Amino acid sequence: MNDIIKALQFEKEQLEARIRLLEDKIESDNRQISEYDHELRQAKQMIDEARKWAEERAYNEALAFENAMSKVAPSEDEIQQAFNEGYISGRACIDSHFEFIARHYGYEAQREQFVEECSEAILAVQKLKRHGSKENFEALEEEVADVLIMATQMRLLMSTSTIDRIVQQKLQRQIQRMKEEEV
């Protein structure tokens, strides 16, 4: 009986030692989780700050553009009169309309409208994929036109030269990829 008690006592000590090891491991893991959680919160805060900075920059640039445009851009009536009198035509008139509309509504309103038009275009593409018809194709054409109108306004309200440079780089990169595909 004494040997059984000693064996049970030894087994109990072994189990207690394992429990202490597991408790230490849990404590260590909890510290590590806490450190990761802290790092994650810091990273999220940095992302939020970067996003806020980028939005403020875009907003400030849009305001600066809007302010500059209000000083130099002609009114819609002046544009229409110049068009009617033949001083401007085609592309110049269209560009003036883009500028006038963008200036009238401003960055924030047009940003929200841009999001809406993009989502409508996505839905039109999906509908055309599911139910190909002339009507759905024409609806997609309408949505593409809306997206192009809004994209042009966003380009004007943001940084025209930066966006034009990025577009040029992307076009050149794609042409290079196409050339590499031919080889």
C-alpha atoms as a PDB file:
ATOM      1  CA  MET A   1       0.000   0.000   0.000  1.00  0.00           C
ATOM      2  CA  ASN A   2       2.870   2.324   0.835  1.00  0.00           C
ATOM      3  CA  ASP A   3       4.384   1.736  -2.612  1.00  0.00           C
ATOM      4  CA  ILE A   4       1.087   2.666  -4.264  1.00  0.00           C
ATOM      5  CA  ILE A   5       0.903   5.910  -2.277  1.00  0.00           C
ATOM      6  CA  LYS A   6       4.505   6.729  -3.228  1.00  0.00           C
ATOM      7  CA  ALA A   7       3.777   5.987  -6.904  1.00  0.00           C
ATOM      8  CA  LEU A   8       0.647   8.135  -6.809  1.00  0.00           C
ATOM      9  CA  GLN A   9       2.566  10.898  -5.014  1.00  0.00           C
ATOM     10  CA  PHE A  10       5.295  10.754  -7.698  1.00  0.00           C
ATOM     11  CA  GLU A  11       2.680  10.829 -10.478  1.00  0.00           C
ATOM     12  CA  LYS A  12       0.985  13.798  -8.776  1.00  0.00           C
ATOM     13  CA  GLU A  13       4.295  15.688  -8.648  1.00  0.00           C
ATOM     14  CA  GLN A  14       4.898  14.896 -12.324  1.00  0.00           C
ATOM     15  CA  LEU A  15       1.435  16.200 -13.229  1.00  0.00           C
ATOM     16  CA  GLU A  16       1.920  19.338 -11.129  1.00  0.00           C
ATOM     17  CA  ALA A  17       5.256  19.939 -12.869  1.00  0.00           C
ATOM     18  CA  ARG A  18       3.563  19.568 -16.269  1.00  0.00           C
ATOM     19  CA  ILE A  19       0.771  21.907 -15.167  1.00  0.00           C
ATOM     20  CA  ARG A  20       3.362  24.537 -14.120  1.00  0.00           C
ATOM     21  CA  LEU A  21       5.080  24.181 -17.497  1.00  0.00           C
ATOM     22  CA  LEU A  22       1.762  24.572 -19.314  1.00  0.00           C
ATOM     23  CA  GLU A  23       0.811  27.559 -17.164  1.00  0.00           C
ATOM     24  CA  ASP A  24       4.198  29.163 -17.942  1.00  0.00           C
ATOM     25  CA  LYS A  25       3.651  28.461 -21.639  1.00  0.00           C
ATOM     26  CA  ILE A  26       0.155  29.980 -21.503  1.00  0.00           C
ATOM     27  CA  GLU A  27       1.506  33.040 -19.705  1.00  0.00           C
ATOM     28  CA  SER A  28       4.273  33.394 -22.305  1.00  0.00           C
ATOM     29  CA  ASP A  29       1.757  32.982 -25.145  1.00  0.00           C
ATOM     30  CA  ASN A  30      -0.540  35.573 -23.565  1.00  0.00           C
ATOM     31  CA  ARG A  31       2.359  38.045 -23.336  1.00  0.00           C
ATOM     32  CA  GLN A  32       3.189  37.410 -26.982  1.00  0.00           C
ATOM     33  CA  ILE A  33      -0.456  37.840 -27.994  1.00  0.00           C
ATOM     34  CA  SER A  34      -0.567  41.069 -26.032  1.00  0.00           C
ATOM     35  CA  GLU A  35       2.568  42.282 -27.821  1.00  0.00           C
ATOM     36  CA  TYR A  36       1.107  41.318 -31.215  1.00  0.00           C
ATOM     37  CA  ASP A  37      -2.151  43.014 -30.296  1.00  0.00           C
ATOM     38  CA  HIS A  38      -0.264  46.175 -29.352  1.00  0.00           C
ATOM     39  CA  GLU A  39       1.693  46.055 -32.634  1.00  0.00           C
ATOM     40  CA  LEU A  40      -1.526  45.479 -34.566  1.00  0.00           C
ATOM     41  CA  ARG A  41      -3.187  48.480 -32.897  1.00  0.00           C
ATOM     42  CA  GLN A  42      -0.128  50.588 -33.731  1.00  0.00           C
ATOM     43  CA  ALA A  43      -0.190  49.414 -37.356  1.00  0.00           C
ATOM     44  CA  LYS A  44      -3.920  50.175 -37.641  1.00  0.00           C
ATOM     45  CA  GLN A  45      -3.329  53.599 -36.152  1.00  0.00           C
ATOM     46  CA  MET A  46      -0.527  54.255 -38.643  1.00  0.00           C
ATOM     47  CA  ILE A  47      -2.775  53.126 -41.519  1.00  0.00           C
ATOM     48  CA  ASP A  48      -5.588  55.368 -40.282  1.00  0.00           C
ATOM     49  CA  GLU A  49      -3.193  58.303 -40.007  1.00  0.00           C
ATOM     50  CA  ALA A  50      -1.824  57.647 -43.491  1.00  0.00           C
ATOM     51  CA  ARG A  51      -5.340  57.368 -44.908  1.00  0.00           C
ATOM     52  CA  LYS A  52      -6.367  60.578 -43.148  1.00  0.00           C
ATOM     53  CA  TRP A  53      -3.257  62.348 -44.441  1.00  0.00           C
ATOM     54  CA  ALA A  54      -3.934  61.147 -48.007  1.00  0.00           C
ATOM     55  CA  GLU A  55      -7.578  62.203 -47.835  1.00  0.00           C
ATOM     56  CA  GLU A  56      -6.634  65.592 -46.408  1.00  0.00           C
ATOM     57  CA  ARG A  57      -4.023  66.039 -49.131  1.00  0.00           C
ATOM     58  CA  ALA A  58      -6.488  65.133 -51.880  1.00  0.00           C
ATOM     59  CA  TYR A  59      -9.126  67.332 -50.284  1.00  0.00           C
ATOM     60  CA  ASN A  60      -6.724  70.277 -49.966  1.00  0.00           C
ATOM     61  CA  GLU A  61      -5.569  69.846 -53.557  1.00  0.00           C
ATOM     62  CA  ALA A  62      -9.180  69.675 -54.676  1.00  0.00           C
ATOM     63  CA  LEU A  63     -10.007  72.826 -52.725  1.00  0.00           C
ATOM     64  CA  ALA A  64      -6.988  74.588 -54.192  1.00  0.00           C
ATOM     65  CA  PHE A  65      -8.054  73.519 -57.673  1.00  0.00           C
ATOM     66  CA  GLU A  66     -11.643  74.525 -57.031  1.00  0.00           C
ATOM     67  CA  ASN A  67     -10.469  77.907 -55.752  1.00  0.00           C
ATOM     68  CA  ALA A  68      -8.179  78.406 -58.736  1.00  0.00           C
ATOM     69  CA  MET A  69     -10.900  77.322 -61.144  1.00  0.00           C
ATOM     70  CA  SER A  70     -13.406  79.706 -59.631  1.00  0.00           C
ATOM     71  CA  LYS A  71     -11.001  82.542 -60.448  1.00  0.00           C
ATOM     72  CA  VAL A  72     -10.182  81.524 -64.015  1.00  0.00           C
ATOM     73  CA  ALA A  73     -12.785  79.099 -65.331  1.00  0.00           C
ATOM     74  CA  PRO A  74     -15.611  80.501 -67.421  1.00  0.00           C
ATOM     75  CA  SER A  75     -19.196  80.046 -66.359  1.00  0.00           C
ATOM     76  CA  GLU A  76     -21.449  77.537 -68.107  1.00  0.00           C
ATOM     77  CA  ASP A  77     -23.199  80.398 -69.901  1.00  0.00           C
ATOM     78  CA  GLU A  78     -19.860  81.759 -71.146  1.00  0.00           C
ATOM     79  CA  ILE A  79     -18.864  78.314 -72.386  1.00  0.00           C
ATOM     80  CA  GLN A  80     -22.185  77.848 -74.171  1.00  0.00           C
ATOM     81  CA  GLN A  81     -21.968  81.315 -75.724  1.00  0.00           C
ATOM     82  CA  ALA A  82     -18.407  80.673 -76.947  1.00  0.00           C
ATOM     83  CA  PHE A  83     -19.535  77.349 -78.389  1.00  0.00           C
ATOM     84  CA  ASN A  84     -22.573  78.899 -80.079  1.00  0.00           C
ATOM     85  CA  GLU A  85     -20.427  81.668 -81.571  1.00  0.00           C
ATOM     86  CA  GLY A  86     -17.898  79.132 -82.873  1.00  0.00           C
ATOM     87  CA  TYR A  87     -14.965  80.191 -80.662  1.00  0.00           C
ATOM     88  CA  ILE A  88     -14.696  76.705 -79.191  1.00  0.00           C
ATOM     89  CA  SER A  89     -15.837  73.392 -80.554  1.00  0.00           C
ATOM     90  CA  GLY A  90     -15.825  69.688 -79.935  1.00  0.00           C
ATOM     91  CA  ARG A  91     -13.182  68.574 -77.429  1.00  0.00           C
ATOM     92  CA  ALA A  92     -12.514  72.023 -75.912  1.00  0.00           C
ATOM     93  CA  CYS A  93     -16.200  72.479 -75.185  1.00  0.00           C
ATOM     94  CA  ILE A  94     -16.461  69.022 -73.630  1.00  0.00           C
ATOM     95  CA  ASP A  95     -13.369  69.654 -71.465  1.00  0.00           C
ATOM     96  CA  SER A  96     -14.832  72.963 -70.326  1.00  0.00           C
ATOM     97  CA  HIS A  97     -18.040  71.188 -69.336  1.00  0.00           C
ATOM     98  CA  PHE A  98     -16.084  68.657 -67.275  1.00  0.00           C
ATOM     99  CA  GLU A  99     -14.274  71.480 -65.471  1.00  0.00           C
ATOM    100  CA  PHE A 100     -17.446  73.439 -64.904  1.00  0.00           C
ATOM    101  CA  ILE A 101     -19.320  70.469 -63.442  1.00  0.00           C
ATOM    102  CA  ALA A 102     -16.367  69.361 -61.302  1.00  0.00           C
ATOM    103  CA  ARG A 103     -15.911  72.887 -59.945  1.00  0.00           C
ATOM    104  CA  HIS A 104     -19.623  73.293 -59.302  1.00  0.00           C
ATOM    105  CA  TYR A 105     -20.016  70.161 -57.142  1.00  0.00           C
ATOM    106  CA  GLY A 106     -16.505  69.911 -55.681  1.00  0.00           C
ATOM    107  CA  TYR A 107     -14.291  67.022 -54.676  1.00  0.00           C
ATOM    108  CA  GLU A 108     -16.317  65.354 -51.928  1.00  0.00           C
ATOM    109  CA  ALA A 109     -19.596  65.232 -53.832  1.00  0.00           C
ATOM    110  CA  GLN A 110     -17.949  64.006 -57.019  1.00  0.00           C
ATOM    111  CA  ARG A 111     -15.925  61.389 -55.126  1.00  0.00           C
ATOM    112  CA  GLU A 112     -19.162  59.925 -53.774  1.00  0.00           C
ATOM    113  CA  GLN A 113     -20.804  60.097 -57.205  1.00  0.00           C
ATOM    114  CA  PHE A 114     -17.760  58.361 -58.711  1.00  0.00           C
ATOM    115  CA  VAL A 115     -18.148  55.476 -56.244  1.00  0.00           C
ATOM    116  CA  GLU A 116     -21.830  55.176 -57.156  1.00  0.00           C
ATOM    117  CA  GLU A 117     -21.175  55.188 -60.902  1.00  0.00           C
ATOM    118  CA  CYS A 118     -18.417  52.565 -60.571  1.00  0.00           C
ATOM    119  CA  SER A 119     -20.713  50.277 -58.607  1.00  0.00           C
ATOM    120  CA  GLU A 120     -23.493  50.715 -61.178  1.00  0.00           C
ATOM    121  CA  ALA A 121     -21.049  49.819 -63.954  1.00  0.00           C
ATOM    122  CA  ILE A 122     -20.006  46.675 -62.085  1.00  0.00           C
ATOM    123  CA  LEU A 123     -23.646  45.645 -61.733  1.00  0.00           C
ATOM    124  CA  ALA A 124     -24.258  46.299 -65.445  1.00  0.00           C
ATOM    125  CA  VAL A 125     -21.277  44.098 -66.387  1.00  0.00           C
ATOM    126  CA  GLN A 126     -22.583  41.301 -64.171  1.00  0.00           C
ATOM    127  CA  LYS A 127     -26.077  41.604 -65.616  1.00  0.00           C
ATOM    128  CA  LEU A 128     -24.732  41.506 -69.179  1.00  0.00           C
ATOM    129  CA  LYS A 129     -22.673  38.401 -68.334  1.00  0.00           C
ATOM    130  CA  ARG A 130     -25.771  36.651 -66.946  1.00  0.00           C
ATOM    131  CA  HIS A 131     -28.290  37.841 -69.529  1.00  0.00           C
ATOM    132  CA  GLY A 132     -26.591  38.987 -72.709  1.00  0.00           C
ATOM    133  CA  SER A 133     -29.019  41.197 -74.581  1.00  0.00           C
ATOM    134  CA  LYS A 134     -28.972  44.368 -76.633  1.00  0.00           C
ATOM    135  CA  GLU A 135     -30.756  46.178 -73.797  1.00  0.00           C
ATOM    136  CA  ASN A 136     -28.154  45.085 -71.221  1.00  0.00           C
ATOM    137  CA  PHE A 137     -25.323  45.990 -73.597  1.00  0.00           C
ATOM    138  CA  GLU A 138     -26.760  49.471 -74.058  1.00  0.00           C
ATOM    139  CA  ALA A 139     -27.161  49.801 -70.280  1.00  0.00           C
ATOM    140  CA  LEU A 140     -23.483  48.926 -69.882  1.00  0.00           C
ATOM    141  CA  GLU A 141     -22.568  51.570 -72.471  1.00  0.00           C
ATOM    142  CA  GLU A 142     -24.483  54.124 -70.390  1.00  0.00           C
ATOM    143  CA  GLU A 143     -22.650  53.098 -67.219  1.00  0.00           C
ATOM    144  CA  VAL A 144     -19.244  53.177 -68.937  1.00  0.00           C
ATOM    145  CA  ALA A 145     -20.036  56.714 -70.094  1.00  0.00           C
ATOM    146  CA  ASP A 146     -20.979  57.688 -66.535  1.00  0.00           C
ATOM    147  CA  VAL A 147     -17.740  56.205 -65.149  1.00  0.00           C
ATOM    148  CA  LEU A 148     -15.664  58.015 -67.773  1.00  0.00           C
ATOM    149  CA  ILE A 149     -17.394  61.300 -66.991  1.00  0.00           C
ATOM    150  CA  MET A 150     -16.729  60.884 -63.278  1.00  0.00           C
ATOM    151  CA  ALA A 151     -13.157  59.620 -63.792  1.00  0.00           C
ATOM    152  CA  THR A 152     -12.416  62.693 -65.894  1.00  0.00           C
ATOM    153  CA  GLN A 153     -13.828  64.963 -63.203  1.00  0.00           C
ATOM    154  CA  MET A 154     -11.865  63.172 -60.467  1.00  0.00           C
ATOM    155  CA  ARG A 155      -8.697  63.606 -62.563  1.00  0.00           C
ATOM    156  CA  LEU A 156      -9.402  67.341 -62.732  1.00  0.00           C
ATOM    157  CA  LEU A 157     -10.220  67.578 -59.029  1.00  0.00           C
ATOM    158  CA  MET A 158      -7.143  65.657 -57.925  1.00  0.00           C
ATOM    159  CA  SER A 159      -3.719  65.969 -59.505  1.00  0.00           C
ATOM    160  CA  THR A 160      -4.074  65.991 -63.293  1.00  0.00           C
ATOM    161  CA  SER A 161      -0.356  65.798 -64.004  1.00  0.00           C
ATOM    162  CA  THR A 162       0.219  62.979 -61.498  1.00  0.00           C
ATOM    163  CA  ILE A 163      -2.697  60.942 -62.827  1.00  0.00           C
ATOM    164  CA  ASP A 164      -1.618  61.538 -66.442  1.00  0.00           C
ATOM    165  CA  ARG A 165       1.922  60.389 -65.557  1.00  0.00           C
ATOM    166  CA  ILE A 166       0.587  57.232 -63.867  1.00  0.00           C
ATOM    167  CA  VAL A 167      -1.678  56.471 -66.852  1.00  0.00           C
ATOM    168  CA  GLN A 168       1.279  56.888 -69.218  1.00  0.00           C
ATOM    169  CA  GLN A 169       3.446  54.574 -67.097  1.00  0.00           C
ATOM    170  CA  LYS A 170       0.719  51.915 -66.932  1.00  0.00           C
ATOM    171  CA  LEU A 171       0.145  52.069 -70.690  1.00  0.00           C
ATOM    172  CA  GLN A 172       3.851  51.766 -71.397  1.00  0.00           C
ATOM    173  CA  ARG A 173       4.187  48.857 -68.957  1.00  0.00           C
ATOM    174  CA  GLN A 174       1.303  47.007 -70.638  1.00  0.00           C
ATOM    175  CA  ILE A 175       2.734  47.572 -74.107  1.00  0.00           C
ATOM    176  CA  GLN A 176       6.048  46.194 -72.841  1.00  0.00           C
ATOM    177  CA  ARG A 177       4.266  43.112 -71.457  1.00  0.00           C
ATOM    178  CA  MET A 178       2.539  42.589 -74.802  1.00  0.00           C
ATOM    179  CA  LYS A 179       5.875  42.783 -76.624  1.00  0.00           C
ATOM    180  CA  GLU A 180       7.336  40.226 -74.217  1.00  0.00           C
ATOM    181  CA  GLU A 181       4.363  37.914 -74.866  1.00  0.00           C
ATOM    182  CA  GLU A 182       5.172  37.931 -78.582  1.00  0.00           C
ATOM    183  CA  VAL A 183       8.691  36.677 -78.022  1.00  0.00           C
END
